[in-house]
Protein backbone atom coordinates (compact mmCIF):
# COMPACT_ATOMS: atom_id res chain seq x y z
CA UNK A 1 29.38 -21.20 28.95
CA UNK A 2 29.82 -24.59 27.23
CA UNK A 3 27.47 -25.09 24.30
CA UNK A 4 26.49 -21.36 24.11
CA UNK A 5 28.09 -20.24 20.74
CA UNK A 6 27.24 -16.58 21.20
CA UNK A 7 29.83 -16.26 24.13
CA UNK A 8 33.62 -16.43 23.99
CA UNK A 9 35.91 -18.13 26.51
CA UNK A 10 35.61 -15.09 28.89
CA UNK A 11 31.71 -15.14 28.68
CA UNK A 12 31.64 -11.97 26.47
CA UNK A 13 28.93 -11.85 23.78
CA UNK A 14 30.18 -12.04 20.21
CA UNK A 15 29.00 -12.81 16.68
CA UNK A 16 29.78 -16.38 15.80
CA UNK A 17 32.44 -16.73 13.07
CA UNK A 18 30.73 -18.80 10.33
CA UNK A 19 33.41 -18.08 7.71
CA UNK A 20 34.67 -21.65 7.63
CA UNK A 21 31.20 -23.27 7.50
CA UNK A 22 30.09 -24.60 4.07
CA UNK A 23 27.34 -22.88 2.16
CA UNK A 24 24.24 -25.13 2.17
CA UNK A 25 20.59 -24.76 1.48
CA UNK A 26 18.81 -23.92 4.73
CA UNK A 27 15.09 -23.67 5.68
CA UNK A 28 13.21 -22.74 8.76
CA UNK A 29 9.58 -22.77 9.55
CA UNK A 30 8.02 -21.04 12.57
CA UNK A 31 4.45 -20.65 13.82
CA UNK A 32 2.34 -18.66 16.16
CA UNK A 33 -1.19 -17.42 16.61
CA UNK A 34 -3.37 -14.44 17.48
CA UNK A 35 -6.29 -15.47 19.66
CA UNK A 36 -9.32 -13.18 19.58
CA UNK A 37 -13.10 -13.21 19.83
CA UNK A 38 -15.20 -14.72 17.11
CA UNK A 39 -16.55 -11.28 16.45
CA UNK A 40 -13.03 -9.78 15.87
CA UNK A 41 -12.20 -12.74 13.69
CA UNK A 42 -15.27 -12.12 11.51
CA UNK A 43 -14.28 -8.45 11.15
CA UNK A 44 -10.93 -9.52 9.64
CA UNK A 45 -12.19 -12.35 7.44
CA UNK A 46 -15.17 -10.23 6.14
CA UNK A 47 -12.77 -7.38 5.30
CA UNK A 48 -14.53 -4.94 7.66
CA UNK A 49 -11.43 -3.76 9.61
CA UNK A 50 -11.23 0.03 9.48
CA UNK A 51 -7.39 -0.07 8.80
CA UNK A 52 -7.83 -2.25 5.74
CA UNK A 53 -6.67 -5.70 4.63
CA UNK A 54 -5.47 -7.07 7.99
CA UNK A 55 -3.96 -10.36 6.65
CA UNK A 56 -2.44 -8.68 3.53
CA UNK A 57 -0.64 -6.04 5.66
CA UNK A 58 0.42 -8.62 8.24
CA UNK A 59 1.85 -10.80 5.44
CA UNK A 60 3.94 -7.91 4.09
CA UNK A 61 5.08 -6.94 7.60
CA UNK A 62 6.31 -10.46 8.34
CA UNK A 63 8.26 -10.53 4.99
CA UNK A 64 9.81 -7.20 5.83
CA UNK A 65 10.62 -8.29 9.30
CA UNK A 66 12.41 -11.43 8.09
CA UNK A 67 14.60 -9.29 5.84
CA UNK A 68 15.48 -6.91 8.83
CA UNK A 69 16.18 -9.55 11.39
CA UNK A 70 19.95 -8.81 11.69
CA UNK A 71 18.97 -5.14 12.33
CA UNK A 72 16.81 -6.23 15.31
CA UNK A 73 18.64 -9.19 16.85
CA UNK A 74 22.16 -8.01 17.83
CA UNK A 75 24.22 -11.24 17.03
CA UNK A 76 22.26 -12.38 13.95
CA UNK A 77 24.19 -12.43 10.67
CA UNK A 78 22.77 -10.53 7.71
CA UNK A 79 21.74 -13.27 5.30
CA UNK A 80 20.88 -13.46 1.55
CA UNK A 81 17.34 -14.69 2.02
CA UNK A 82 15.95 -16.47 -1.04
CA UNK A 83 12.35 -17.06 0.11
CA UNK A 84 9.97 -15.66 2.71
CA UNK A 85 6.45 -17.02 2.74
CA UNK A 86 3.72 -16.39 5.24
CA UNK A 87 0.53 -18.32 5.63
CA UNK A 88 -2.13 -16.55 7.73
CA UNK A 89 -5.08 -18.81 8.31
CA UNK A 90 -8.29 -17.92 10.03
CA UNK A 91 -9.14 -20.61 12.64
CA UNK A 92 -12.61 -20.42 14.14
CA UNK A 93 -11.66 -23.06 16.60
CA UNK A 94 -9.24 -20.72 18.39
CA UNK A 95 -10.91 -18.31 17.50
CA UNK A 96 -8.09 -16.38 15.73
CA UNK A 97 -5.38 -16.37 13.04
CA UNK A 98 -2.67 -18.99 12.80
CA UNK A 99 0.58 -17.63 11.27
CA UNK A 100 3.25 -19.80 9.68
CA UNK A 101 6.46 -18.37 8.16
CA UNK A 102 8.87 -20.31 5.92
CA UNK A 103 12.27 -18.79 5.23
CA UNK A 104 14.99 -20.10 2.95
CA UNK A 105 18.66 -19.16 2.26
CA UNK A 106 21.72 -20.64 0.75
CA UNK A 107 24.32 -19.66 3.33
CA UNK A 108 26.62 -20.51 6.14
CA UNK A 109 24.16 -20.13 8.98
CA UNK A 110 20.46 -20.88 9.45
CA UNK A 111 17.26 -18.76 9.12
CA UNK A 112 15.54 -19.79 12.34
CA UNK A 113 15.51 -16.20 13.77
CA UNK A 114 14.31 -14.87 10.46
CA UNK A 115 11.29 -17.19 10.57
CA UNK A 116 10.57 -16.42 14.22
CA UNK A 117 10.83 -12.77 13.64
CA UNK A 118 8.46 -12.96 10.60
CA UNK A 119 5.84 -14.73 12.71
CA UNK A 120 6.27 -12.33 15.64
CA UNK A 121 5.92 -9.21 13.58
CA UNK A 122 2.98 -10.54 11.53
CA UNK A 123 1.14 -11.43 14.74
CA UNK A 124 1.98 -7.86 16.14
CA UNK A 125 0.66 -6.35 12.97
CA UNK A 126 -2.62 -8.25 13.26
CA UNK A 127 -2.90 -7.03 16.87
CA UNK A 128 -2.23 -3.45 15.80
CA UNK A 129 -4.68 -3.42 13.03
CA UNK A 130 -7.66 -4.50 15.15
CA UNK A 131 -6.65 -3.41 18.74
CA UNK A 132 -9.30 -0.62 18.54
CA UNK A 133 -12.01 -3.28 18.64
CA UNK A 134 -10.24 -5.81 20.98
CA UNK A 135 -7.39 -4.97 23.26
CA UNK A 136 -7.55 -8.37 24.98
CA UNK A 137 -6.18 -10.37 21.99
CA UNK A 138 -3.39 -12.81 22.86
CA UNK A 139 -0.21 -13.63 20.83
CA UNK A 140 0.55 -17.30 21.64
CA UNK A 141 2.62 -20.28 20.67
CA UNK A 142 5.49 -18.59 18.76
CA UNK A 143 7.96 -21.40 18.20
CA UNK A 144 10.29 -23.07 15.59
CA UNK A 145 8.62 -25.95 13.93
CA UNK A 146 11.29 -27.05 11.46
CA UNK A 147 14.84 -26.36 10.45
CA UNK A 148 16.78 -27.95 7.69
CA UNK A 149 20.30 -27.70 6.43
CA UNK A 150 23.76 -27.10 7.90
CA UNK A 151 25.79 -29.39 10.13
CA UNK A 152 22.91 -30.41 12.34
CA UNK A 153 20.65 -31.39 9.46
CA UNK A 154 17.00 -31.64 9.89
CA UNK A 155 15.17 -30.83 13.19
CA UNK A 156 11.40 -30.88 13.59
CA UNK A 157 9.33 -30.04 16.60
CA UNK A 158 7.09 -32.77 18.08
């Protein structure tokens, strides 16, 4: 299991001990999108969705999800998150909504999972709020774009 930090020498899953790691500023940025028809996108951007403010609710859902990541992902550490920001941008070229989450902490482990969870739940919330008009929407491209801080420093996706 070389290189897999969530497994011990016997191959058993465990929470990584970060107690000896220094506290550093850490940031992670993740992205994803919800692809839909132009008509569904117009429904959202014009504020005509029957369930209300789709992007506002999705933003709040993403923020809440980032704060609950350790409750959802078994081996994640609960972290003192200092910032969660979601950018939900309508993109007529998709057509759909592009979702970007930025999460920050000062801690002993990174916030990549929190950023990915925020994007995932925001995308799921968009789907939930307009699924009555379009069940064929696709959630795509959820990935880590950037991480900064800690021993490995800065990493950015190509």
